[in-house]
Amino acid sequence: MEGTTPKTETRPVFELRLYGFHVIAQSIPGWLVTLASLAGGVAITWWTTQR
């Protein structure tokens, strides 16, 4: 068939299997990466200033 592309199986970005708990993320949104980075920076800053 002309003009068709073969199906490719996409791999998940994140996969967590823990006992009966199974989580798969196909993509991670940019706002979530930003939020996690901000929270990590705040936590590190707080931890280093408490000494």
PDB file of N, CA and C in Angstrom:
ATOM      1  N   MET A   1       0.842  -1.185   0.000  1.00  0.00           N
ATOM      2  CA  MET A   1       0.000   0.000   0.000  1.00  0.00           C
ATOM      3  C   MET A   1       0.882   1.242   0.000  1.00  0.00           C
ATOM      4  N   GLU A   2       0.563   2.166  -0.839  1.00  0.00           N
ATOM      5  CA  GLU A   2       1.339   3.391  -0.908  1.00  0.00           C
ATOM      6  C   GLU A   2       0.832   4.423   0.101  1.00  0.00           C
ATOM      7  N   GLY A   3       1.754   5.207   0.630  1.00  0.00           N
ATOM      8  CA  GLY A   3       1.361   6.297   1.516  1.00  0.00           C
ATOM      9  C   GLY A   3       1.068   5.895   2.949  1.00  0.00           C
ATOM     10  N   THR A   4       1.287   4.654   3.294  1.00  0.00           N
ATOM     11  CA  THR A   4       1.044   4.245   4.678  1.00  0.00           C
ATOM     12  C   THR A   4       2.374   4.085   5.387  1.00  0.00           C
ATOM     13  N   THR A   5       2.365   4.378   6.646  1.00  0.00           N
ATOM     14  CA  THR A   5       3.568   4.207   7.451  1.00  0.00           C
ATOM     15  C   THR A   5       3.395   2.972   8.320  1.00  0.00           C
ATOM     16  N   PRO A   6       4.469   2.246   8.532  1.00  0.00           N
ATOM     17  CA  PRO A   6       4.342   1.057   9.379  1.00  0.00           C
ATOM     18  C   PRO A   6       4.087   1.446  10.828  1.00  0.00           C
ATOM     19  N   LYS A   7       3.331   0.630  11.517  1.00  0.00           N
ATOM     20  CA  LYS A   7       3.053   0.890  12.926  1.00  0.00           C
ATOM     21  C   LYS A   7       4.308   0.592  13.737  1.00  0.00           C
ATOM     22  N   THR A   8       4.691   1.543  14.555  1.00  0.00           N
ATOM     23  CA  THR A   8       5.829   1.334  15.446  1.00  0.00           C
ATOM     24  C   THR A   8       5.308   1.349  16.873  1.00  0.00           C
ATOM     25  N   GLU A   9       5.808   0.454  17.650  1.00  0.00           N
ATOM     26  CA  GLU A   9       5.380   0.367  19.044  1.00  0.00           C
ATOM     27  C   GLU A   9       6.164   1.393  19.863  1.00  0.00           C
ATOM     28  N   THR A  10       5.452   2.279  20.549  1.00  0.00           N
ATOM     29  CA  THR A  10       6.122   3.296  21.356  1.00  0.00           C
ATOM     30  C   THR A  10       6.368   2.754  22.758  1.00  0.00           C
ATOM     31  N   ARG A  11       7.516   3.102  23.282  1.00  0.00           N
ATOM     32  CA  ARG A  11       7.859   2.697  24.639  1.00  0.00           C
ATOM     33  C   ARG A  11       7.439   3.796  25.601  1.00  0.00           C
ATOM     34  N   PRO A  12       6.965   3.419  26.781  1.00  0.00           N
ATOM     35  CA  PRO A  12       6.560   4.444  27.752  1.00  0.00           C
ATOM     36  C   PRO A  12       7.766   5.214  28.283  1.00  0.00           C
ATOM     37  N   VAL A  13       7.525   6.457  28.649  1.00  0.00           N
ATOM     38  CA  VAL A  13       8.569   7.300  29.228  1.00  0.00           C
ATOM     39  C   VAL A  13       8.888   6.828  30.645  1.00  0.00           C
ATOM     40  N   PHE A  14       7.857   6.428  31.375  1.00  0.00           N
ATOM     41  CA  PHE A  14       8.020   6.008  32.766  1.00  0.00           C
ATOM     42  C   PHE A  14       7.128   4.804  33.018  1.00  0.00           C
ATOM     43  N   GLU A  15       7.686   3.793  33.650  1.00  0.00           N
ATOM     44  CA  GLU A  15       6.907   2.609  34.000  1.00  0.00           C
ATOM     45  C   GLU A  15       7.309   2.161  35.400  1.00  0.00           C
ATOM     46  N   LEU A  16       6.316   1.969  36.250  1.00  0.00           N
ATOM     47  CA  LEU A  16       6.546   1.552  37.632  1.00  0.00           C
ATOM     48  C   LEU A  16       5.702   0.323  37.920  1.00  0.00           C
ATOM     49  N   ARG A  17       6.367  -0.734  38.323  1.00  0.00           N
ATOM     50  CA  ARG A  17       5.658  -1.955  38.726  1.00  0.00           C
ATOM     51  C   ARG A  17       6.099  -2.291  40.148  1.00  0.00           C
ATOM     52  N   LEU A  18       5.144  -2.279  41.045  1.00  0.00           N
ATOM     53  CA  LEU A  18       5.428  -2.555  42.444  1.00  0.00           C
ATOM     54  C   LEU A  18       4.330  -3.449  42.987  1.00  0.00           C
ATOM     55  N   TYR A  19       4.653  -4.724  43.137  1.00  0.00           N
ATOM     56  CA  TYR A  19       3.684  -5.738  43.552  1.00  0.00           C
ATOM     57  C   TYR A  19       2.490  -5.702  42.596  1.00  0.00           C
ATOM     58  N   GLY A  20       1.293  -5.402  43.044  1.00  0.00           N
ATOM     59  CA  GLY A  20       0.128  -5.346  42.174  1.00  0.00           C
ATOM     60  C   GLY A  20      -0.117  -3.971  41.592  1.00  0.00           C
ATOM     61  N   PHE A  21       0.721  -3.006  41.919  1.00  0.00           N
ATOM     62  CA  PHE A  21       0.567  -1.622  41.483  1.00  0.00           C
ATOM     63  C   PHE A  21       1.354  -1.418  40.196  1.00  0.00           C
ATOM     64  N   HIS A  22       0.709  -0.933  39.135  1.00  0.00           N
ATOM     65  CA  HIS A  22       1.358  -0.767  37.852  1.00  0.00           C
ATOM     66  C   HIS A  22       0.971   0.584  37.264  1.00  0.00           C
ATOM     67  N   VAL A  23       1.969   1.451  37.042  1.00  0.00           N
ATOM     68  CA  VAL A  23       1.734   2.781  36.494  1.00  0.00           C
ATOM     69  C   VAL A  23       2.582   2.951  35.240  1.00  0.00           C
ATOM     70  N   ILE A  24       1.961   3.441  34.177  1.00  0.00           N
ATOM     71  CA  ILE A  24       2.678   3.707  32.932  1.00  0.00           C
ATOM     72  C   ILE A  24       2.354   5.137  32.498  1.00  0.00           C
ATOM     73  N   ALA A  25       3.390   5.909  32.159  1.00  0.00           N
ATOM     74  CA  ALA A  25       3.201   7.261  31.632  1.00  0.00           C
ATOM     75  C   ALA A  25       3.767   7.302  30.218  1.00  0.00           C
ATOM     76  N   GLN A  26       2.947   7.677  29.255  1.00  0.00           N
ATOM     77  CA  GLN A  26       3.392   7.753  27.862  1.00  0.00           C
ATOM     78  C   GLN A  26       4.196   9.034  27.613  1.00  0.00           C
ATOM     79  N   SER A  27       3.868  10.103  28.316  1.00  0.00           N
ATOM     80  CA  SER A  27       4.624  11.347  28.188  1.00  0.00           C
ATOM     81  C   SER A  27       4.522  12.116  29.497  1.00  0.00           C
ATOM     82  N   ILE A  28       5.519  12.925  29.756  1.00  0.00           N
ATOM     83  CA  ILE A  28       5.542  13.715  30.988  1.00  0.00           C
ATOM     84  C   ILE A  28       5.385  15.181  30.587  1.00  0.00           C
ATOM     85  N   PRO A  29       4.348  15.859  31.067  1.00  0.00           N
ATOM     86  CA  PRO A  29       4.135  17.261  30.681  1.00  0.00           C
ATOM     87  C   PRO A  29       5.218  18.183  31.243  1.00  0.00           C
ATOM     88  N   GLY A  30       5.493  19.238  30.509  1.00  0.00           N
ATOM     89  CA  GLY A  30       6.530  20.189  30.897  1.00  0.00           C
ATOM     90  C   GLY A  30       6.253  20.856  32.227  1.00  0.00           C
ATOM     91  N   TRP A  31       4.976  21.144  32.510  1.00  0.00           N
ATOM     92  CA  TRP A  31       4.651  21.812  33.775  1.00  0.00           C
ATOM     93  C   TRP A  31       4.977  20.914  34.965  1.00  0.00           C
ATOM     94  N   LEU A  32       4.873  19.592  34.780  1.00  0.00           N
ATOM     95  CA  LEU A  32       5.179  18.675  35.876  1.00  0.00           C
ATOM     96  C   LEU A  32       6.683  18.625  36.137  1.00  0.00           C
ATOM     97  N   VAL A  33       7.481  18.666  35.090  1.00  0.00           N
ATOM     98  CA  VAL A  33       8.937  18.707  35.242  1.00  0.00           C
ATOM     99  C   VAL A  33       9.341  20.001  35.936  1.00  0.00           C
ATOM    100  N   THR A  34       8.725  21.109  35.536  1.00  0.00           N
ATOM    101  CA  THR A  34       9.011  22.404  36.161  1.00  0.00           C
ATOM    102  C   THR A  34       8.641  22.399  37.636  1.00  0.00           C
ATOM    103  N   LEU A  35       7.483  21.859  37.956  1.00  0.00           N
ATOM    104  CA  LEU A  35       7.031  21.796  39.344  1.00  0.00           C
ATOM    105  C   LEU A  35       7.957  20.925  40.191  1.00  0.00           C
ATOM    106  N   ALA A  36       8.371  19.782  39.664  1.00  0.00           N
ATOM    107  CA  ALA A  36       9.271  18.895  40.406  1.00  0.00           C
ATOM    108  C   ALA A  36      10.634  19.560  40.620  1.00  0.00           C
ATOM    109  N   SER A  37      11.132  20.262  39.604  1.00  0.00           N
ATOM    110  CA  SER A  37      12.411  20.972  39.739  1.00  0.00           C
ATOM    111  C   SER A  37      12.324  22.081  40.779  1.00  0.00           C
ATOM    112  N   LEU A  38      11.240  22.814  40.761  1.00  0.00           N
ATOM    113  CA  LEU A  38      11.043  23.894  41.730  1.00  0.00           C
ATOM    114  C   LEU A  38      10.958  23.339  43.149  1.00  0.00           C
ATOM    115  N   ALA A  39      10.195  22.269  43.327  1.00  0.00           N
ATOM    116  CA  ALA A  39      10.056  21.668  44.661  1.00  0.00           C
ATOM    117  C   ALA A  39      11.398  21.132  45.153  1.00  0.00           C
ATOM    118  N   GLY A  40      12.158  20.521  44.261  1.00  0.00           N
ATOM    119  CA  GLY A  40      13.482  20.022  44.649  1.00  0.00           C
ATOM    120  C   GLY A  40      14.420  21.149  45.043  1.00  0.00           C
ATOM    121  N   GLY A  41      14.383  22.243  44.293  1.00  0.00           N
ATOM    122  CA  GLY A  41      15.225  23.398  44.615  1.00  0.00           C
ATOM    123  C   GLY A  41      14.858  24.017  45.950  1.00  0.00           C
ATOM    124  N   VAL A  42      13.573  24.130  46.215  1.00  0.00           N
ATOM    125  CA  VAL A  42      13.114  24.679  47.498  1.00  0.00           C
ATOM    126  C   VAL A  42      13.536  23.764  48.641  1.00  0.00           C
ATOM    127  N   ALA A  43      13.388  22.461  48.461  1.00  0.00           N
ATOM    128  CA  ALA A  43      13.759  21.511  49.517  1.00  0.00           C
ATOM    129  C   ALA A  43      15.260  21.548  49.800  1.00  0.00           C
ATOM    130  N   ILE A  44      16.069  21.608  48.764  1.00  0.00           N
ATOM    131  CA  ILE A  44      17.523  21.661  48.954  1.00  0.00           C
ATOM    132  C   ILE A  44      17.926  22.969  49.624  1.00  0.00           C
ATOM    133  N   THR A  45      17.321  24.073  49.201  1.00  0.00           N
ATOM    134  CA  THR A  45      17.617  25.370  49.814  1.00  0.00           C
ATOM    135  C   THR A  45      17.236  25.375  51.290  1.00  0.00           C
ATOM    136  N   TRP A  46      16.064  24.861  51.603  1.00  0.00           N
ATOM    137  CA  TRP A  46      15.628  24.805  52.996  1.00  0.00           C
ATOM    138  C   TRP A  46      16.575  23.929  53.823  1.00  0.00           C
ATOM    139  N   TRP A  47      16.950  22.763  53.279  1.00  0.00           N
ATOM    140  CA  TRP A  47      17.804  21.828  54.012  1.00  0.00           C
ATOM    141  C   TRP A  47      19.187  22.413  54.277  1.00  0.00           C
ATOM    142  N   THR A  48      19.749  23.121  53.287  1.00  0.00           N
ATOM    143  CA  THR A  48      21.087  23.696  53.464  1.00  0.00           C
ATOM    144  C   THR A  48      21.095  24.912  54.379  1.00  0.00           C
ATOM    145  N   THR A  49      19.983  25.629  54.484  1.00  0.00           N
ATOM    146  CA  THR A  49      19.947  26.798  55.350  1.00  0.00           C
ATOM    147  C   THR A  49      19.603  26.442  56.802  1.00  0.00           C
ATOM    148  N   GLN A  50      19.174  25.229  57.052  1.00  0.00           N
ATOM    149  CA  GLN A  50      18.820  24.805  58.406  1.00  0.00           C
ATOM    150  C   GLN A  50      20.019  24.368  59.225  1.00  0.00           C
ATOM    151  N   ARG A  51      21.149  24.273  58.628  1.00  0.00           N
ATOM    152  CA  ARG A  51      22.340  23.791  59.331  1.00  0.00           C
ATOM    153  C   ARG A  51      23.016  24.855  60.124  1.00  0.00           C
TER     154      ARG A  51
END
